[in-house]
Every structure is written in structure tokens, then in C-alpha cells.
Amino acid sequence: MGIDLDDLLYRISVWLLPVVTAITLHEAAHGWVAWKLGDDTARRAGRVTFNPLAHIDRFGTILLPGLLLLVKAPFLFGYAKPVPVDFRRLRRPRRDMVWVAAAGPGVNLAMAFAAALLMHLAPVLPDAAALWVSHNLGNALVINVVLAVFNMLPLPPLDGGRVVTGLLPAGLARPYSRIERYGLPIVIALIALPPLIGAEIGRDLSVLRWILLPPVEYAIDAILALAGQGG
């Protein structure tokens, strides 16, 4: 079955900006908050900037989401170059680690709310432009909420894992933080393996979707209501 080039180019055009801004500004927020709390590692590395080019990872930000779009995957996933943070240089490392980690998902939720507010402007545009802008804003809403919820899973090195590490008593935080070396393989396995196994046995084993879908749907509904969308 051939690829519909026009359809592919349109889907890229309405996903590219939402995906790139969501991923890169998430990382920039980590660096900015770390800088304000005493660690200028990211600033010295040129990463405290809202210029997406400073944060783009060619595979994680461009090729991986593009491949998922190409195969019409039911989800998008991507990542930027991690922002370097030296938690030991923060003024109050355990407390400030929580703020640095929460900054990325916080910015994603703020961008999702901004996208919902901007949807009020789409109807005043010419029809063709209104449709394209509406798709961009709708995708921005979704990808930012998904990134926020996904990153708050309590598994190091995800932001939620670092928040938990910062909140736990020191005696529990140290062993919990050691999970980080295995965290990324666990996340990748949760994303990739259950659907593959499910396809072989004819069952829906999208474990990550089961975990993420309820809070994502709730957050989207709440943001739309706060922005005066819907009825």
C-alpha cells in the first residue's frame, strides 16, 4: 500500500511545531529553574534558551516522532537532549531537585492551557487557515498533556521519579534513586514490548496506554473547561 504523500506532509505540518516546542521547552524549563536555584551548569552549556535548536536531538526530537507519524502509530513519543543539571550545586539540593524536575511538566501544562485559549482565535481566520491552526493547537494541547503526564510517572530518570526522590526521606531516597540506571530501559520496554506481544497473541496489551489514558483525558477536559472551551 503506497504512502499518500499529501496526507503525510499535512500531518507533519500540523505535528512538527507542537512536538518540537513541547519537547524542547520542557528541557529549557529544567535548565532555567536550576539556574535560578543555584546551578548554572545548563546556562553555561547554552541550554537556558527557548531556541529549540539548542535542545533538538536529531533522533529523539525529529526522526523518532517522524517515523511514528509515517507508520500512523497510535501515539507519538520523543525526547530532546537532556539538560545538564548538577543537583549538588543547588542551594537546597533535595528540595530544589523537586522544583527542577517539576518545571518541565509544569511548562507543558502551561503550553497546553495556552493552546486551549488560542483555539478561540481560530474561527476568525480564513477557513483553510483556521483548519490548519486548529489542528496545530489541538495537537499542541494533546502532546503537552501527554508529555506532562508521562514524565510525571514515578520512575527515575523521569521527572516524576526525581520528584519522588526529592520528597522521600534520605534513607529511602538513596536506594530509590539507584533505579535510574535501569529506568530508561524499563520505559522503552513498557512502550514497545507489550504491544508487540499483544499483536502476537491477539490481545491489547498497551500497558502504558492503560496507565496514561485516564489522567491524560482528565487533564485535557480540565484544561478545556478552564479555557472556556466546550459546553
C-alpha atoms as a PDB file:
ATOM      1  CA  MET A   1       0.000   0.000   0.000  1.00  0.00           C
ATOM      2  CA  GLY A   2       1.528   3.292  -1.113  1.00  0.00           C
ATOM      3  CA  ILE A   3       2.103   6.349   1.040  1.00  0.00           C
ATOM      4  CA  ASP A   4      -0.244   9.278   0.485  1.00  0.00           C
ATOM      5  CA  LEU A   5       2.410  11.993   0.257  1.00  0.00           C
ATOM      6  CA  ASP A   6      -0.024  14.885   0.593  1.00  0.00           C
ATOM      7  CA  ASP A   7      -1.550  13.350   3.716  1.00  0.00           C
ATOM      8  CA  LEU A   8       1.890  12.660   5.187  1.00  0.00           C
ATOM      9  CA  LEU A   9       3.118  16.212   4.550  1.00  0.00           C
ATOM     10  CA  TYR A  10      -0.022  17.670   6.080  1.00  0.00           C
ATOM     11  CA  ARG A  11       0.293  15.520   9.188  1.00  0.00           C
ATOM     12  CA  ILE A  12       3.930  16.569   9.538  1.00  0.00           C
ATOM     13  CA  SER A  13       2.940  20.231   9.147  1.00  0.00           C
ATOM     14  CA  VAL A  14       0.385  20.045  11.971  1.00  0.00           C
ATOM     15  CA  TRP A  15       2.569  17.994  14.339  1.00  0.00           C
ATOM     16  CA  LEU A  16       6.078  19.391  13.810  1.00  0.00           C
ATOM     17  CA  LEU A  17       5.750  22.675  15.707  1.00  0.00           C
ATOM     18  CA  PRO A  18       3.706  21.219  18.606  1.00  0.00           C
ATOM     19  CA  VAL A  19       6.125  18.312  19.101  1.00  0.00           C
ATOM     20  CA  VAL A  20       9.342  20.335  18.809  1.00  0.00           C
ATOM     21  CA  THR A  21       8.171  23.146  21.107  1.00  0.00           C
ATOM     22  CA  ALA A  22       6.695  20.768  23.684  1.00  0.00           C
ATOM     23  CA  ILE A  23       9.856  18.672  23.946  1.00  0.00           C
ATOM     24  CA  THR A  24      12.444  21.445  23.780  1.00  0.00           C
ATOM     25  CA  LEU A  25      10.739  23.967  26.071  1.00  0.00           C
ATOM     26  CA  HIS A  26      10.275  21.164  28.587  1.00  0.00           C
ATOM     27  CA  GLU A  27      14.061  20.804  28.721  1.00  0.00           C
ATOM     28  CA  ALA A  28      14.693  24.564  28.743  1.00  0.00           C
ATOM     29  CA  ALA A  29      12.441  24.902  31.791  1.00  0.00           C
ATOM     30  CA  HIS A  30      14.579  22.414  33.736  1.00  0.00           C
ATOM     31  CA  GLY A  31      17.708  24.432  32.986  1.00  0.00           C
ATOM     32  CA  TRP A  32      16.126  27.802  33.772  1.00  0.00           C
ATOM     33  CA  VAL A  33      14.782  26.700  37.165  1.00  0.00           C
ATOM     34  CA  ALA A  34      18.098  25.019  38.047  1.00  0.00           C
ATOM     35  CA  TRP A  35      19.907  28.276  37.207  1.00  0.00           C
ATOM     36  CA  LYS A  36      17.570  30.302  39.404  1.00  0.00           C
ATOM     37  CA  LEU A  37      18.098  27.834  42.253  1.00  0.00           C
ATOM     38  CA  GLY A  38      21.882  27.989  42.134  1.00  0.00           C
ATOM     39  CA  ASP A  39      23.171  25.644  39.422  1.00  0.00           C
ATOM     40  CA  ASP A  40      24.305  27.422  36.249  1.00  0.00           C
ATOM     41  CA  THR A  41      25.545  24.246  34.501  1.00  0.00           C
ATOM     42  CA  ALA A  42      22.806  24.377  31.865  1.00  0.00           C
ATOM     43  CA  ARG A  43      23.232  28.129  31.367  1.00  0.00           C
ATOM     44  CA  ARG A  44      26.979  27.744  30.769  1.00  0.00           C
ATOM     45  CA  ALA A  45      26.209  24.984  28.274  1.00  0.00           C
ATOM     46  CA  GLY A  46      23.882  27.327  26.332  1.00  0.00           C
ATOM     47  CA  ARG A  47      20.781  25.354  27.282  1.00  0.00           C
ATOM     48  CA  VAL A  48      18.817  28.032  29.146  1.00  0.00           C
ATOM     49  CA  THR A  49      17.190  29.260  25.979  1.00  0.00           C
ATOM     50  CA  PHE A  50      13.818  28.932  24.308  1.00  0.00           C
ATOM     51  CA  ASN A  51      15.561  28.386  20.970  1.00  0.00           C
ATOM     52  CA  PRO A  52      14.521  24.826  20.028  1.00  0.00           C
ATOM     53  CA  LEU A  53      17.718  24.323  18.003  1.00  0.00           C
ATOM     54  CA  ALA A  54      19.742  24.251  21.231  1.00  0.00           C
ATOM     55  CA  HIS A  55      17.747  21.289  22.556  1.00  0.00           C
ATOM     56  CA  ILE A  56      16.902  19.209  19.486  1.00  0.00           C
ATOM     57  CA  ASP A  57      18.154  15.644  19.422  1.00  0.00           C
ATOM     58  CA  ARG A  58      18.189  14.563  15.789  1.00  0.00           C
ATOM     59  CA  PHE A  59      16.836  11.120  16.573  1.00  0.00           C
ATOM     60  CA  GLY A  60      14.629  11.751  19.599  1.00  0.00           C
ATOM     61  CA  THR A  61      13.081  15.055  18.505  1.00  0.00           C
ATOM     62  CA  ILE A  62      12.886  14.628  14.721  1.00  0.00           C
ATOM     63  CA  LEU A  63      13.418  11.092  13.426  1.00  0.00           C
ATOM     64  CA  LEU A  64      11.536   9.110  16.077  1.00  0.00           C
ATOM     65  CA  PRO A  65       8.317  11.204  16.046  1.00  0.00           C
ATOM     66  CA  GLY A  66       8.565  11.389  12.250  1.00  0.00           C
ATOM     67  CA  LEU A  67       8.797   7.606  11.991  1.00  0.00           C
ATOM     68  CA  LEU A  68       5.793   7.193  14.281  1.00  0.00           C
ATOM     69  CA  LEU A  69       3.844   9.618  12.078  1.00  0.00           C
ATOM     70  CA  LEU A  70       4.933   7.729   8.968  1.00  0.00           C
ATOM     71  CA  VAL A  71       3.627   4.404  10.259  1.00  0.00           C
ATOM     72  CA  LYS A  72       0.489   6.084  11.684  1.00  0.00           C
ATOM     73  CA  ALA A  73       1.292   4.919  15.199  1.00  0.00           C
ATOM     74  CA  PRO A  74      -1.500   5.489  17.744  1.00  0.00           C
ATOM     75  CA  PHE A  75       0.867   7.604  19.871  1.00  0.00           C
ATOM     76  CA  LEU A  76       3.776   9.996  19.500  1.00  0.00           C
ATOM     77  CA  PHE A  77       6.915   9.769  21.573  1.00  0.00           C
ATOM     78  CA  GLY A  78      10.091  11.777  21.502  1.00  0.00           C
ATOM     79  CA  TYR A  79      12.729  13.459  23.580  1.00  0.00           C
ATOM     80  CA  ALA A  80      15.266  16.291  23.479  1.00  0.00           C
ATOM     81  CA  LYS A  81      18.880  16.347  24.605  1.00  0.00           C
ATOM     82  CA  PRO A  82      18.767  16.164  28.405  1.00  0.00           C
ATOM     83  CA  VAL A  83      19.645  19.444  30.098  1.00  0.00           C
ATOM     84  CA  PRO A  84      22.728  19.065  32.327  1.00  0.00           C
ATOM     85  CA  VAL A  85      21.918  19.746  35.976  1.00  0.00           C
ATOM     86  CA  ASP A  86      24.355  19.297  38.851  1.00  0.00           C
ATOM     87  CA  PHE A  87      21.978  18.778  41.764  1.00  0.00           C
ATOM     88  CA  ARG A  88      24.850  19.163  44.262  1.00  0.00           C
ATOM     89  CA  ARG A  89      25.181  22.829  43.278  1.00  0.00           C
ATOM     90  CA  LEU A  90      21.572  23.678  44.067  1.00  0.00           C
ATOM     91  CA  ARG A  91      21.119  25.770  47.205  1.00  0.00           C
ATOM     92  CA  ARG A  92      18.993  23.122  48.881  1.00  0.00           C
ATOM     93  CA  PRO A  93      19.590  20.013  46.721  1.00  0.00           C
ATOM     94  CA  ARG A  94      16.792  17.745  47.929  1.00  0.00           C
ATOM     95  CA  ARG A  95      14.102  20.422  47.923  1.00  0.00           C
ATOM     96  CA  ASP A  96      15.309  22.142  44.766  1.00  0.00           C
ATOM     97  CA  MET A  97      15.552  18.844  42.877  1.00  0.00           C
ATOM     98  CA  VAL A  98      11.759  18.660  43.144  1.00  0.00           C
ATOM     99  CA  TRP A  99      11.290  22.132  41.637  1.00  0.00           C
ATOM    100  CA  VAL A 100      13.777  21.477  38.812  1.00  0.00           C
ATOM    101  CA  ALA A 101      12.117  18.171  37.939  1.00  0.00           C
ATOM    102  CA  ALA A 102       8.572  19.575  38.118  1.00  0.00           C
ATOM    103  CA  ALA A 103       9.459  22.552  35.886  1.00  0.00           C
ATOM    104  CA  GLY A 104       9.319  20.557  32.642  1.00  0.00           C
ATOM    105  CA  PRO A 105       5.837  19.058  33.123  1.00  0.00           C
ATOM    106  CA  GLY A 106       4.691  22.400  34.542  1.00  0.00           C
ATOM    107  CA  VAL A 107       5.698  24.224  31.369  1.00  0.00           C
ATOM    108  CA  ASN A 108       3.982  21.544  29.274  1.00  0.00           C
ATOM    109  CA  LEU A 109       0.717  22.087  31.159  1.00  0.00           C
ATOM    110  CA  ALA A 110       1.075  25.867  30.743  1.00  0.00           C
ATOM    111  CA  MET A 111       1.579  25.435  26.988  1.00  0.00           C
ATOM    112  CA  ALA A 112      -1.432  23.111  26.813  1.00  0.00           C
ATOM    113  CA  PHE A 113      -3.549  25.782  28.505  1.00  0.00           C
ATOM    114  CA  ALA A 114      -2.188  28.460  26.131  1.00  0.00           C
ATOM    115  CA  ALA A 115      -3.109  26.267  23.146  1.00  0.00           C
ATOM    116  CA  ALA A 116      -6.635  25.837  24.508  1.00  0.00           C
ATOM    117  CA  LEU A 117      -7.009  29.605  24.933  1.00  0.00           C
ATOM    118  CA  LEU A 118      -5.703  30.285  21.406  1.00  0.00           C
ATOM    119  CA  MET A 119      -8.376  27.981  19.976  1.00  0.00           C
ATOM    120  CA  HIS A 120     -10.799  30.874  20.498  1.00  0.00           C
ATOM    121  CA  LEU A 121      -8.966  32.774  17.722  1.00  0.00           C
ATOM    122  CA  ALA A 122      -9.161  30.075  15.053  1.00  0.00           C
ATOM    123  CA  PRO A 123     -12.757  30.831  13.933  1.00  0.00           C
ATOM    124  CA  VAL A 124     -11.821  34.388  12.882  1.00  0.00           C
ATOM    125  CA  LEU A 125      -9.242  33.080  10.380  1.00  0.00           C
ATOM    126  CA  PRO A 126      -9.975  32.134   6.745  1.00  0.00           C
ATOM    127  CA  ASP A 127     -11.394  28.620   6.507  1.00  0.00           C
ATOM    128  CA  ALA A 128      -8.262  26.833   5.250  1.00  0.00           C
ATOM    129  CA  ALA A 129      -6.004  28.598   7.749  1.00  0.00           C
ATOM    130  CA  ALA A 130      -8.498  28.045  10.566  1.00  0.00           C
ATOM    131  CA  LEU A 131      -8.453  24.283   9.991  1.00  0.00           C
ATOM    132  CA  TRP A 132      -4.647  24.117   9.909  1.00  0.00           C
ATOM    133  CA  VAL A 133      -4.269  26.307  13.001  1.00  0.00           C
ATOM    134  CA  SER A 134      -6.953  24.330  14.842  1.00  0.00           C
ATOM    135  CA  HIS A 135      -5.142  21.083  14.127  1.00  0.00           C
ATOM    136  CA  ASN A 136      -1.831  22.559  15.337  1.00  0.00           C
ATOM    137  CA  LEU A 137      -3.419  23.861  18.542  1.00  0.00           C
ATOM    138  CA  GLY A 138      -5.305  20.630  19.172  1.00  0.00           C
ATOM    139  CA  ASN A 139      -2.102  18.654  18.699  1.00  0.00           C
ATOM    140  CA  ALA A 140      -0.226  21.080  20.966  1.00  0.00           C
ATOM    141  CA  LEU A 141      -2.833  20.524  23.666  1.00  0.00           C
ATOM    142  CA  VAL A 142      -2.573  16.750  23.393  1.00  0.00           C
ATOM    143  CA  ILE A 143       1.213  16.378  23.101  1.00  0.00           C
ATOM    144  CA  ASN A 144       1.887  18.746  26.002  1.00  0.00           C
ATOM    145  CA  VAL A 145      -0.545  16.947  28.300  1.00  0.00           C
ATOM    146  CA  VAL A 146       0.825  13.544  27.282  1.00  0.00           C
ATOM    147  CA  LEU A 147       4.402  14.697  27.926  1.00  0.00           C
ATOM    148  CA  ALA A 148       3.469  16.173  31.300  1.00  0.00           C
ATOM    149  CA  VAL A 149       1.648  13.047  32.466  1.00  0.00           C
ATOM    150  CA  PHE A 150       4.231  10.649  31.030  1.00  0.00           C
ATOM    151  CA  ASN A 151       7.152  12.490  32.597  1.00  0.00           C
ATOM    152  CA  MET A 152       5.462  12.501  35.997  1.00  0.00           C
ATOM    153  CA  LEU A 153       5.457   8.700  36.168  1.00  0.00           C
ATOM    154  CA  PRO A 154       7.337   7.928  39.416  1.00  0.00           C
ATOM    155  CA  LEU A 155      10.253   6.194  37.737  1.00  0.00           C
ATOM    156  CA  PRO A 156      13.769   7.672  37.627  1.00  0.00           C
ATOM    157  CA  PRO A 157      15.094   9.186  35.364  1.00  0.00           C
ATOM    158  CA  LEU A 158      11.648  10.596  34.508  1.00  0.00           C
ATOM    159  CA  ASP A 159      10.725  13.828  36.255  1.00  0.00           C
ATOM    160  CA  GLY A 160       8.224  12.095  38.494  1.00  0.00           C
ATOM    161  CA  GLY A 161      10.951   9.770  39.718  1.00  0.00           C
ATOM    162  CA  ARG A 162      13.129  12.719  40.658  1.00  0.00           C
ATOM    163  CA  VAL A 163      10.217  14.405  42.419  1.00  0.00           C
ATOM    164  CA  VAL A 164       9.675  11.242  44.475  1.00  0.00           C
ATOM    165  CA  THR A 165      13.411  11.021  45.223  1.00  0.00           C
ATOM    166  CA  GLY A 166      13.400  14.598  46.499  1.00  0.00           C
ATOM    167  CA  LEU A 167      10.358  14.009  48.706  1.00  0.00           C
ATOM    168  CA  LEU A 168      11.379  10.680  50.250  1.00  0.00           C
ATOM    169  CA  PRO A 169      13.383  10.530  53.488  1.00  0.00           C
ATOM    170  CA  ALA A 170      17.117  10.256  52.768  1.00  0.00           C
ATOM    171  CA  GLY A 171      17.237   6.612  53.838  1.00  0.00           C
ATOM    172  CA  LEU A 172      14.656   5.691  51.186  1.00  0.00           C
ATOM    173  CA  ALA A 173      15.678   8.237  48.556  1.00  0.00           C
ATOM    174  CA  ARG A 174      19.162   6.784  48.046  1.00  0.00           C
ATOM    175  CA  PRO A 175      18.083   3.229  47.152  1.00  0.00           C
ATOM    176  CA  TYR A 176      15.138   4.559  45.149  1.00  0.00           C
ATOM    177  CA  SER A 177      17.430   6.804  43.062  1.00  0.00           C
ATOM    178  CA  ARG A 178      19.525   3.772  42.088  1.00  0.00           C
ATOM    179  CA  ILE A 179      16.638   2.642  39.896  1.00  0.00           C
ATOM    180  CA  GLU A 180      17.688   5.420  37.482  1.00  0.00           C
ATOM    181  CA  ARG A 181      20.323   3.271  35.780  1.00  0.00           C
ATOM    182  CA  TYR A 182      17.554   0.868  34.760  1.00  0.00           C
ATOM    183  CA  GLY A 183      14.817   3.461  34.275  1.00  0.00           C
ATOM    184  CA  LEU A 184      15.182   4.195  30.571  1.00  0.00           C
ATOM    185  CA  PRO A 185      15.272   0.502  29.507  1.00  0.00           C
ATOM    186  CA  ILE A 186      12.175  -0.076  31.670  1.00  0.00           C
ATOM    187  CA  VAL A 187      10.359   2.839  29.991  1.00  0.00           C
ATOM    188  CA  ILE A 188      11.317   1.654  26.497  1.00  0.00           C
ATOM    189  CA  ALA A 189      10.218  -1.875  27.373  1.00  0.00           C
ATOM    190  CA  LEU A 190       6.839  -0.598  28.632  1.00  0.00           C
ATOM    191  CA  ILE A 191       6.354   1.340  25.380  1.00  0.00           C
ATOM    192  CA  ALA A 192       7.489  -1.303  22.908  1.00  0.00           C
ATOM    193  CA  LEU A 193       7.166  -4.835  24.296  1.00  0.00           C
ATOM    194  CA  PRO A 194       3.533  -5.173  25.485  1.00  0.00           C
ATOM    195  CA  PRO A 195       2.021  -4.022  22.128  1.00  0.00           C
ATOM    196  CA  LEU A 196       4.342  -6.397  20.228  1.00  0.00           C
ATOM    197  CA  ILE A 197       3.422  -9.307  22.474  1.00  0.00           C
ATOM    198  CA  GLY A 198      -0.247  -8.352  22.282  1.00  0.00           C
ATOM    199  CA  ALA A 199      -0.129  -8.335  18.483  1.00  0.00           C
ATOM    200  CA  GLU A 200       1.224 -11.885  18.534  1.00  0.00           C
ATOM    201  CA  ILE A 201      -1.466 -13.239  20.847  1.00  0.00           C
ATOM    202  CA  GLY A 202      -4.332 -11.103  19.584  1.00  0.00           C
ATOM    203  CA  ARG A 203      -4.770  -9.086  22.786  1.00  0.00           C
ATOM    204  CA  ASP A 204      -4.486  -5.393  23.588  1.00  0.00           C
ATOM    205  CA  LEU A 205      -1.531  -5.209  25.970  1.00  0.00           C
ATOM    206  CA  SER A 206      -0.844  -1.470  25.686  1.00  0.00           C
ATOM    207  CA  VAL A 207       0.090  -1.191  29.357  1.00  0.00           C
ATOM    208  CA  LEU A 208       1.418   2.346  29.098  1.00  0.00           C
ATOM    209  CA  ARG A 209      -1.782   3.495  27.395  1.00  0.00           C
ATOM    210  CA  TRP A 210      -3.856   1.955  30.196  1.00  0.00           C
ATOM    211  CA  ILE A 211      -1.775   3.899  32.726  1.00  0.00           C
ATOM    212  CA  LEU A 212      -1.642   7.221  30.879  1.00  0.00           C
ATOM    213  CA  LEU A 213      -5.041   7.500  29.195  1.00  0.00           C
ATOM    214  CA  PRO A 214      -7.255   8.237  32.252  1.00  0.00           C
ATOM    215  CA  PRO A 215      -5.091  11.095  33.652  1.00  0.00           C
ATOM    216  CA  VAL A 216      -4.457  12.466  30.141  1.00  0.00           C
ATOM    217  CA  GLU A 217      -8.179  12.568  29.336  1.00  0.00           C
ATOM    218  CA  TYR A 218      -8.964  14.132  32.715  1.00  0.00           C
ATOM    219  CA  ALA A 219      -6.265  16.814  32.287  1.00  0.00           C
ATOM    220  CA  ILE A 220      -7.388  17.673  28.747  1.00  0.00           C
ATOM    221  CA  ASP A 221     -11.026  18.009  29.857  1.00  0.00           C
ATOM    222  CA  ALA A 222      -9.993  20.198  32.811  1.00  0.00           C
ATOM    223  CA  ILE A 223      -7.784  22.459  30.653  1.00  0.00           C
ATOM    224  CA  LEU A 224     -10.503  22.872  28.020  1.00  0.00           C
ATOM    225  CA  ALA A 225     -13.028  23.764  30.729  1.00  0.00           C
ATOM    226  CA  LEU A 226     -10.676  26.303  32.311  1.00  0.00           C
ATOM    227  CA  ALA A 227     -10.037  27.830  28.882  1.00  0.00           C
ATOM    228  CA  GLY A 228     -13.764  28.183  28.219  1.00  0.00           C
ATOM    229  CA  GLN A 229     -13.865  25.517  25.525  1.00  0.00           C
ATOM    230  CA  GLY A 230     -16.707  23.086  25.128  1.00  0.00           C
ATOM    231  CA  GLY A 231     -20.016  23.214  26.785  1.00  0.00           C
END
